Amino acid sequence: MAKKKNGNIITWIKDVTGSKAEGKAYKWLLPAETGMMLYSLFTLLLIAFTYTSLPNADELIWWRIRIMLLTVALWIVYRIWTCPLMNLARILLLLLTLGWWYPDTYLLNRHFDNLDHIFAAWDQALFGFQPALVWSKAFPSPIVSELMAMGYSLYFLMFVSLIAYIFIKRYKDFQKTAFIIITSFFVYYVVFDLLPVAGPQYYYLAVGIEDIAAGHFPALGNYFANHTECLPIPGWQDGLFHNLVQASHDAGERPTAAFPSSHVGISTITMLMAMRLRMWKYLLLWAVPYAFLCMGTVYLLPHYAVDAMAGFITAIAVFFTLEWTWKKVFAVIRL
């Protein structure tokens, strides 16, 4: 959708509902949809191997089939009505289902022995203490608590706002942006499916705070397959952002997906995407929330410090790998 000198809401509606603005369309799946389909097939394979020990294996299988069928249905509608608005609907479906795929990683990795004792020991070796255990106690101020919770709670808005802005203002970059950000989620989900790390809020409670403070990090085997109790989120309990984080936690948190931190990873990838597109105002707007988000992953107990560091490092690797994939595959081949 090219920017017009006399642009208004009517012109914009014509752009997003008309076929001319779409240009050279993808004949089959969008790049981001391809990432989702590959992840669906990967997890179907995992489900097949663990079918007899999954209490709701049939439900997991049929959910994937429904999502894939709905994706195909939207593609059919797109072939009939080829326009940017239908492409947006296809990407929205992927975004809306991300919240379901996340707790699903718990159902798949619970079959493996928990690895929290390794990552807690790494934190201890690097810092001589547990940052997740002492950080909130060292800075108990309601202001600090709210700043940490603010950054953490704005996580989804951060990458969704970038995708929305690109769709409205720079449509030529829409598919690339959606592909890199959404596929990054599925890359992290693959790791979470195979690497069962619950995070401090679960592991500390299971072991006991006194033992953790003393530097004792026992292996728990498959303890979290049947235990989902966790410590309360530290900080100012009456804070607005604290309550937002608590509500999000209650809605879908599981003892899974701690390493590496996808909060740090996806937010870093979002910032790298904005940097690549030279969106300096966006970077300036989100710089402070991004910093507090990264710190909040440890302060609020979801992650060990090594999780946050790994999130940053893996984000760089994932971003440039997916960007290379885009250039070599999707930018030249309209499947």
Protein backbone atom coordinates (compact mmCIF):
# COMPACT_ATOMS: atom_id res chain seq x y z
CA MET A 1 0.00 0.00 0.00
CA ALA A 2 1.85 3.05 -1.21
CA LYS A 3 1.53 6.24 0.77
CA LYS A 4 -0.69 8.73 -1.06
CA LYS A 5 -0.47 12.49 -0.88
CA ASN A 6 -4.22 12.89 -0.45
CA GLY A 7 -4.64 9.82 1.70
CA ASN A 8 -7.67 9.51 4.00
CA ILE A 9 -9.67 6.77 5.65
CA ILE A 10 -11.70 6.10 2.47
CA THR A 11 -8.56 5.77 0.39
CA TRP A 12 -7.01 3.47 2.97
CA ILE A 13 -10.10 1.22 3.04
CA LYS A 14 -9.99 0.98 -0.76
CA ASP A 15 -6.32 0.04 -0.54
CA VAL A 16 -6.72 -2.77 1.96
CA THR A 17 -9.81 -4.23 0.27
CA GLY A 18 -8.65 -3.87 -3.33
CA SER A 19 -6.54 -6.30 -5.35
CA LYS A 20 -4.25 -3.67 -6.92
CA ALA A 21 -2.51 -2.88 -3.63
CA GLU A 22 -1.64 -6.56 -3.11
CA GLY A 23 0.78 -6.71 -6.01
CA LYS A 24 2.44 -10.08 -6.64
CA ALA A 25 0.65 -12.38 -4.21
CA TYR A 26 1.75 -15.67 -2.66
CA LYS A 27 -0.09 -18.46 -4.47
CA TRP A 28 -0.06 -20.84 -1.52
CA LEU A 29 0.88 -20.39 2.13
CA LEU A 30 2.29 -17.16 3.48
CA PRO A 31 5.83 -17.42 4.91
CA ALA A 32 4.55 -17.13 8.49
CA GLU A 33 1.90 -19.78 7.80
CA THR A 34 4.64 -22.08 6.51
CA GLY A 35 6.44 -21.70 9.85
CA MET A 36 3.26 -22.60 11.73
CA MET A 37 2.58 -25.63 9.53
CA LEU A 38 6.11 -26.97 10.00
CA TYR A 39 5.80 -26.55 13.77
CA SER A 40 2.42 -28.32 13.72
CA LEU A 41 3.95 -31.28 11.91
CA PHE A 42 6.89 -31.33 14.32
CA THR A 43 4.62 -31.44 17.37
CA LEU A 44 2.35 -34.03 15.77
CA LEU A 45 5.45 -36.21 15.54
CA LEU A 46 6.18 -35.63 19.24
CA ILE A 47 2.59 -36.46 20.12
CA ALA A 48 2.85 -39.70 18.13
CA PHE A 49 5.88 -40.76 20.18
CA THR A 50 4.22 -39.88 23.51
CA TYR A 51 0.63 -40.73 22.58
CA THR A 52 0.04 -43.39 25.23
CA SER A 53 1.24 -41.14 28.07
CA LEU A 54 -0.65 -38.01 27.01
CA PRO A 55 -4.05 -37.80 28.73
CA ASN A 56 -5.48 -35.57 26.01
CA ALA A 57 -3.53 -36.62 22.93
CA ASP A 58 -6.61 -36.78 20.69
CA GLU A 59 -7.56 -33.23 21.65
CA LEU A 60 -4.07 -31.97 20.84
CA ILE A 61 -4.14 -33.69 17.45
CA TRP A 62 -7.57 -32.40 16.49
CA TRP A 63 -6.72 -28.88 17.59
CA ARG A 64 -3.77 -28.88 15.19
CA ILE A 65 -5.88 -30.25 12.39
CA ARG A 66 -8.50 -27.54 12.95
CA ILE A 67 -5.89 -24.79 12.89
CA MET A 68 -4.38 -26.14 9.68
CA LEU A 69 -7.82 -26.46 8.08
CA LEU A 70 -8.74 -22.92 9.12
CA THR A 71 -5.45 -21.70 7.64
CA VAL A 72 -6.31 -23.42 4.35
CA ALA A 73 -9.83 -21.98 4.46
CA LEU A 74 -8.49 -18.46 4.81
CA TRP A 75 -6.13 -19.14 1.91
CA ILE A 76 -9.13 -20.17 -0.25
CA VAL A 77 -10.97 -16.97 0.67
CA TYR A 78 -7.79 -15.03 -0.14
CA ARG A 79 -7.62 -16.64 -3.61
CA ILE A 80 -11.20 -15.49 -4.21
CA TRP A 81 -10.71 -12.05 -2.67
CA THR A 82 -7.03 -11.21 -3.06
CA CYS A 83 -6.34 -8.12 -1.01
CA PRO A 84 -4.22 -6.90 1.92
CA LEU A 85 -7.16 -7.19 4.34
CA MET A 86 -7.33 -10.96 3.83
CA ASN A 87 -3.59 -11.24 4.37
CA LEU A 88 -4.06 -9.38 7.65
CA ALA A 89 -6.76 -11.85 8.68
CA ARG A 90 -4.38 -14.73 7.99
CA ILE A 91 -1.65 -13.18 10.13
CA LEU A 92 -4.13 -12.35 12.90
CA LEU A 93 -5.07 -16.02 13.11
CA LEU A 94 -1.42 -16.89 13.74
CA LEU A 95 -1.06 -14.17 16.36
CA LEU A 96 -4.23 -15.17 18.19
CA THR A 97 -3.12 -18.81 18.45
CA LEU A 98 0.34 -18.05 19.84
CA GLY A 99 -1.09 -17.98 23.35
CA TRP A 100 -2.36 -21.54 22.93
CA TRP A 101 0.88 -22.98 21.57
CA TYR A 102 2.82 -21.72 24.60
CA PRO A 103 1.22 -23.79 27.43
CA ASP A 104 1.09 -26.68 24.97
CA THR A 105 4.90 -26.94 25.33
CA TYR A 106 4.36 -28.06 28.92
CA LEU A 107 2.28 -31.03 27.84
CA LEU A 108 5.05 -32.16 25.51
CA ASN A 109 8.19 -31.56 27.58
CA ARG A 110 6.80 -32.96 30.84
CA HIS A 111 7.88 -36.39 29.60
CA PHE A 112 11.53 -35.41 30.00
CA ASP A 113 13.44 -34.95 33.26
CA ASN A 114 13.44 -31.39 34.54
CA LEU A 115 16.68 -29.41 34.06
CA ASP A 116 16.21 -26.46 36.43
CA HIS A 117 19.00 -27.62 38.72
CA ILE A 118 21.49 -27.06 35.90
CA PHE A 119 20.41 -23.50 35.14
CA ALA A 120 20.11 -22.50 38.79
CA ALA A 121 23.66 -23.82 39.28
CA TRP A 122 24.86 -21.75 36.31
CA ASP A 123 23.41 -18.61 37.89
CA GLN A 124 25.14 -19.48 41.16
CA ALA A 125 28.46 -20.06 39.40
CA LEU A 126 28.26 -16.80 37.45
CA PHE A 127 27.03 -14.48 40.21
CA GLY A 128 27.71 -16.28 43.47
CA PHE A 129 24.00 -16.02 44.35
CA GLN A 130 20.57 -16.36 42.73
CA PRO A 131 19.63 -13.04 41.03
CA ALA A 132 15.98 -14.12 40.78
CA LEU A 133 15.91 -14.73 44.52
CA VAL A 134 17.54 -11.51 45.73
CA TRP A 135 16.71 -8.89 43.09
CA SER A 136 13.17 -8.09 44.20
CA LYS A 137 14.30 -8.12 47.84
CA ALA A 138 17.15 -5.72 47.08
CA PHE A 139 14.80 -3.30 45.27
CA PRO A 140 11.40 -3.61 46.98
CA SER A 141 10.28 -0.10 45.96
CA PRO A 142 6.75 0.05 44.46
CA ILE A 143 8.19 2.25 41.70
CA VAL A 144 10.82 -0.33 40.75
CA SER A 145 8.24 -3.10 40.99
CA GLU A 146 5.82 -1.30 38.68
CA LEU A 147 8.52 -0.43 36.15
CA MET A 148 9.55 -4.08 35.94
CA ALA A 149 5.95 -5.24 35.68
CA MET A 150 5.20 -2.52 33.12
CA GLY A 151 7.91 -3.74 30.77
CA TYR A 152 6.86 -7.36 31.22
CA SER A 153 3.15 -6.67 30.70
CA LEU A 154 3.75 -4.69 27.47
CA TYR A 155 5.43 -7.66 25.81
CA PHE A 156 2.60 -8.56 23.42
CA LEU A 157 1.81 -4.94 22.60
CA MET A 158 5.44 -4.43 21.63
CA PHE A 159 5.54 -6.82 18.68
CA VAL A 160 1.85 -6.55 17.74
CA SER A 161 2.14 -2.77 17.45
CA LEU A 162 5.11 -3.15 15.10
CA ILE A 163 3.25 -5.60 12.87
CA ALA A 164 0.16 -3.34 12.85
CA TYR A 165 2.19 -0.24 12.00
CA ILE A 166 3.97 -2.03 9.17
CA PHE A 167 0.65 -3.19 7.74
CA ILE A 168 -0.78 0.34 7.77
CA LYS A 169 2.26 2.36 6.75
CA ARG A 170 4.76 0.06 5.04
CA TYR A 171 2.83 -2.81 3.54
CA LYS A 172 5.71 -3.93 1.32
CA ASP A 173 7.51 -5.02 4.51
CA PHE A 174 4.45 -6.63 6.11
CA GLN A 175 5.08 -10.25 5.14
CA LYS A 176 8.76 -10.11 6.06
CA THR A 177 8.01 -8.59 9.46
CA ALA A 178 5.23 -11.07 10.22
CA PHE A 179 7.35 -14.01 9.08
CA ILE A 180 10.37 -13.15 11.21
CA ILE A 181 8.44 -12.33 14.39
CA ILE A 182 5.86 -15.14 14.25
CA THR A 183 8.29 -17.83 13.09
CA SER A 184 10.64 -16.79 15.90
CA PHE A 185 7.96 -17.91 18.36
CA PHE A 186 7.86 -21.35 16.79
CA VAL A 187 11.64 -21.61 16.85
CA TYR A 188 11.58 -20.98 20.60
CA TYR A 189 8.65 -23.37 21.05
CA VAL A 190 10.69 -26.17 19.48
CA VAL A 191 13.37 -25.58 22.13
CA PHE A 192 10.77 -25.50 24.90
CA ASP A 193 9.23 -28.78 23.70
CA LEU A 194 12.57 -30.53 24.15
CA LEU A 195 14.12 -28.61 27.05
CA PRO A 196 12.03 -28.78 30.25
CA VAL A 197 13.04 -25.81 32.42
CA ALA A 198 10.28 -24.52 34.70
CA GLY A 199 11.92 -21.34 36.02
CA PRO A 200 12.61 -19.98 39.53
CA GLN A 201 8.99 -19.39 40.48
CA TYR A 202 8.35 -23.15 40.25
CA TYR A 203 11.76 -24.63 41.06
CA TYR A 204 12.45 -22.50 44.15
CA LEU A 205 9.12 -23.50 45.71
CA ALA A 206 9.63 -27.18 44.93
CA VAL A 207 13.12 -27.25 46.47
CA GLY A 208 12.58 -24.76 49.28
CA ILE A 209 13.86 -21.19 49.57
CA GLU A 210 16.31 -22.03 52.34
CA ASP A 211 18.00 -24.75 50.30
CA ILE A 212 18.15 -22.50 47.24
CA ALA A 213 19.71 -19.67 49.28
CA ALA A 214 22.26 -22.15 50.62
CA GLY A 215 23.23 -23.14 47.08
CA HIS A 216 21.57 -26.56 46.99
CA PHE A 217 20.02 -27.38 43.61
CA PRO A 218 18.74 -30.96 43.52
CA ALA A 219 17.46 -32.62 40.37
CA LEU A 220 13.70 -33.16 40.46
CA GLY A 221 13.21 -35.67 37.65
CA ASN A 222 9.68 -35.40 36.27
CA TYR A 223 8.32 -33.67 39.39
CA PHE A 224 6.58 -30.92 37.39
CA ALA A 225 4.60 -33.44 35.37
CA ASN A 226 2.18 -33.48 38.31
CA HIS A 227 2.97 -30.25 40.21
CA THR A 228 2.21 -26.75 38.94
CA GLU A 229 2.36 -24.79 42.21
CA CYS A 230 4.53 -21.67 42.10
CA LEU A 231 5.70 -18.76 44.24
CA PRO A 232 3.68 -15.54 44.19
CA ILE A 233 4.96 -12.83 41.88
CA PRO A 234 7.15 -10.50 43.96
CA GLY A 235 6.77 -6.74 44.05
CA TRP A 236 4.05 -4.26 44.90
CA GLN A 237 0.92 -6.39 45.16
CA ASP A 238 -1.47 -3.45 44.60
CA GLY A 239 0.28 -2.15 41.50
CA LEU A 240 -1.67 -1.85 38.24
CA PHE A 241 1.00 -3.48 36.10
CA HIS A 242 1.72 -6.07 38.77
CA ASN A 243 -1.93 -7.13 38.63
CA LEU A 244 -1.79 -7.27 34.83
CA VAL A 245 1.19 -9.61 35.02
CA GLN A 246 -0.58 -11.70 37.68
CA ALA A 247 -3.72 -11.97 35.52
CA SER A 248 -1.68 -13.07 32.52
CA HIS A 249 0.18 -15.57 34.69
CA ASP A 250 -3.04 -17.04 36.07
CA ALA A 251 -4.51 -17.35 32.58
CA GLY A 252 -1.84 -19.45 30.93
CA GLU A 253 1.43 -19.89 32.83
CA ARG A 254 2.86 -23.39 33.22
CA PRO A 255 6.15 -24.82 34.56
CA THR A 256 7.75 -24.64 31.14
CA ALA A 257 9.64 -22.50 28.64
CA ALA A 258 12.12 -20.79 30.94
CA PHE A 259 15.27 -21.31 28.85
CA PRO A 260 15.94 -19.29 26.85
CA SER A 261 13.66 -16.39 27.73
CA SER A 262 11.32 -15.90 24.78
CA HIS A 263 10.23 -12.59 26.32
CA VAL A 264 13.76 -11.29 25.93
CA GLY A 265 14.22 -13.14 22.64
CA ILE A 266 11.07 -11.97 20.84
CA SER A 267 11.32 -8.41 22.14
CA THR A 268 14.96 -8.25 20.99
CA ILE A 269 13.98 -9.61 17.57
CA THR A 270 11.25 -6.97 17.40
CA MET A 271 13.78 -4.24 18.14
CA LEU A 272 16.18 -5.67 15.56
CA MET A 273 13.37 -5.73 13.00
CA ALA A 274 12.55 -2.09 13.72
CA MET A 275 16.24 -1.23 13.47
CA ARG A 276 16.52 -3.01 10.13
CA LEU A 277 13.54 -1.00 8.86
CA ARG A 278 15.08 2.21 10.29
CA MET A 279 12.09 2.93 12.46
CA TRP A 280 13.95 5.19 14.85
CA LYS A 281 10.84 6.66 16.51
CA TYR A 282 9.59 3.18 17.33
CA LEU A 283 12.96 2.25 18.83
CA LEU A 284 13.00 5.41 20.91
CA LEU A 285 9.43 4.81 22.11
CA TRP A 286 10.11 1.22 23.17
CA ALA A 287 13.70 1.48 24.44
CA VAL A 288 12.75 2.00 28.10
CA PRO A 289 9.94 -0.61 28.23
CA TYR A 290 12.27 -3.06 26.48
CA ALA A 291 14.98 -2.53 29.10
CA PHE A 292 12.54 -3.08 31.97
CA LEU A 293 11.06 -6.10 30.22
CA CYS A 294 14.49 -7.74 30.05
CA MET A 295 15.19 -6.99 33.71
CA GLY A 296 11.66 -7.92 34.75
CA THR A 297 12.06 -11.47 33.48
CA VAL A 298 14.40 -12.07 36.44
CA TYR A 299 12.90 -9.62 38.96
CA LEU A 300 9.42 -11.17 38.64
CA LEU A 301 10.79 -14.77 38.92
CA PRO A 302 9.89 -16.30 35.53
CA HIS A 303 13.53 -16.73 34.53
CA TYR A 304 17.07 -17.26 35.74
CA ALA A 305 19.59 -14.62 34.72
CA VAL A 306 21.18 -17.07 32.26
CA ASP A 307 17.76 -17.44 30.62
CA ALA A 308 17.62 -13.71 29.93
CA MET A 309 21.18 -13.65 28.59
CA ALA A 310 20.47 -16.64 26.38
CA GLY A 311 17.30 -14.93 25.15
CA PHE A 312 19.34 -11.99 23.93
CA ILE A 313 22.04 -14.13 22.29
CA THR A 314 19.60 -16.51 20.59
CA ALA A 315 17.51 -13.57 19.37
CA ILE A 316 20.43 -12.32 17.30
CA ALA A 317 21.02 -15.78 15.85
CA VAL A 318 17.32 -16.41 15.13
CA PHE A 319 16.78 -12.97 13.58
CA PHE A 320 19.65 -13.18 11.11
CA THR A 321 18.87 -16.82 10.26
CA LEU A 322 15.24 -16.00 9.48
CA GLU A 323 16.22 -12.86 7.59
CA TRP A 324 18.60 -14.96 5.48
CA THR A 325 15.80 -17.49 4.91
CA TRP A 326 13.50 -14.70 3.81
CA LYS A 327 16.02 -13.34 1.30
CA LYS A 328 16.98 -16.74 -0.13
CA VAL A 329 13.55 -18.34 -0.22
CA PHE A 330 10.45 -16.23 0.26
CA ALA A 331 11.63 -12.96 -1.27
CA VAL A 332 12.43 -14.67 -4.59
CA ILE A 333 9.90 -17.51 -4.72
CA ARG A 334 6.18 -16.77 -4.50
CA LEU A 335 5.03 -20.25 -3.54
